């Protein structure tokens, strides 16, 4: 049985490269955007990384999104855009 999708906006599949960064902490990590909507995204990392609950996400087209971690599991992170 499928659970209801609680997202406010439909997510679109993506295979774009991106960069997670928090200049205050000196953190910068490459990731892949697996799906994205106007309100958030699912990111994949090469390996599990521990970092803050808020960071900047720089997309491959240069757009920077302020992110807040909604969930994480292994190498996957779900974020909402601030």
Protein backbone atom coordinates (compact mmCIF):
# COMPACT_ATOMS: atom_id res chain seq x y z
CA UNK A 1 0.00 0.00 0.00
CA UNK A 2 1.31 3.43 -0.93
CA UNK A 3 1.26 6.30 1.54
CA UNK A 4 -0.13 9.67 0.52
CA UNK A 5 2.34 12.22 -0.83
CA UNK A 6 2.40 15.08 1.68
CA UNK A 7 4.54 17.41 -0.43
CA UNK A 8 3.16 20.84 -1.29
CA UNK A 9 4.72 20.72 -4.80
CA UNK A 10 5.44 17.84 -7.15
CA UNK A 11 9.09 16.81 -7.32
CA UNK A 12 10.83 16.29 -10.66
CA UNK A 13 13.58 13.72 -11.22
CA UNK A 14 17.02 15.21 -11.56
CA UNK A 15 20.57 13.99 -12.05
CA UNK A 16 22.37 17.31 -11.55
CA UNK A 17 25.56 17.88 -9.64
CA UNK A 18 25.52 20.33 -6.74
CA UNK A 19 27.59 21.49 -3.78
CA UNK A 20 26.61 21.63 -0.10
CA UNK A 21 28.44 24.36 1.83
CA UNK A 22 28.48 26.14 5.15
CA UNK A 23 31.17 28.84 5.00
CA UNK A 24 30.91 29.53 8.75
CA UNK A 25 32.05 25.96 9.47
CA UNK A 26 34.35 25.61 6.47
CA UNK A 27 32.27 22.74 5.02
CA UNK A 28 32.01 22.08 1.28
CA UNK A 29 30.84 18.70 -0.09
CA UNK A 30 29.81 17.55 -3.58
CA UNK A 31 26.43 15.87 -3.98
CA UNK A 32 23.86 14.91 -6.60
CA UNK A 33 20.31 16.26 -6.75
CA UNK A 34 18.04 13.23 -7.36
CA UNK A 35 14.73 15.06 -7.33
CA UNK A 36 13.71 18.66 -6.80
CA UNK A 37 10.61 20.86 -6.40
CA UNK A 38 9.97 24.51 -5.65
CA UNK A 39 10.06 23.68 -1.92
CA UNK A 40 12.83 21.10 -1.51
CA UNK A 41 15.02 18.33 -2.86
CA UNK A 42 16.45 14.86 -2.26
CA UNK A 43 20.25 14.84 -2.30
CA UNK A 44 22.67 11.93 -2.57
CA UNK A 45 26.18 12.02 -1.14
CA UNK A 46 29.08 9.72 -2.01
CA UNK A 47 29.29 8.72 1.65
CA UNK A 48 27.43 9.63 4.85
CA UNK A 49 28.55 13.02 6.17
CA UNK A 50 27.69 14.71 9.45
CA UNK A 51 27.08 18.45 9.19
CA UNK A 52 24.73 21.18 10.35
CA UNK A 53 20.95 21.19 9.87
CA UNK A 54 21.16 24.31 7.67
CA UNK A 55 23.42 24.93 4.68
CA UNK A 56 23.67 26.46 1.22
CA UNK A 57 23.10 24.27 -1.83
CA UNK A 58 24.74 25.52 -5.03
CA UNK A 59 23.09 23.93 -8.06
CA UNK A 60 24.96 23.22 -11.31
CA UNK A 61 23.41 26.32 -12.94
CA UNK A 62 24.85 28.54 -10.18
CA UNK A 63 21.58 29.07 -8.28
CA UNK A 64 22.12 29.00 -4.50
CA UNK A 65 19.34 27.71 -2.23
CA UNK A 66 19.26 28.04 1.57
CA UNK A 67 18.41 24.56 2.88
CA UNK A 68 17.15 23.01 6.08
CA UNK A 69 17.49 19.23 6.61
CA UNK A 70 14.07 17.55 6.78
CA UNK A 71 15.39 13.96 7.02
CA UNK A 72 18.49 11.88 6.35
CA UNK A 73 19.12 8.20 5.82
CA UNK A 74 22.55 6.83 4.93
CA UNK A 75 23.79 8.76 1.91
CA UNK A 76 20.43 10.47 1.23
CA UNK A 77 19.26 13.82 2.59
CA UNK A 78 15.86 15.43 2.19
CA UNK A 79 15.90 19.22 2.41
CA UNK A 80 13.38 22.03 2.40
CA UNK A 81 14.29 25.37 0.87
CA UNK A 82 14.22 28.32 3.26
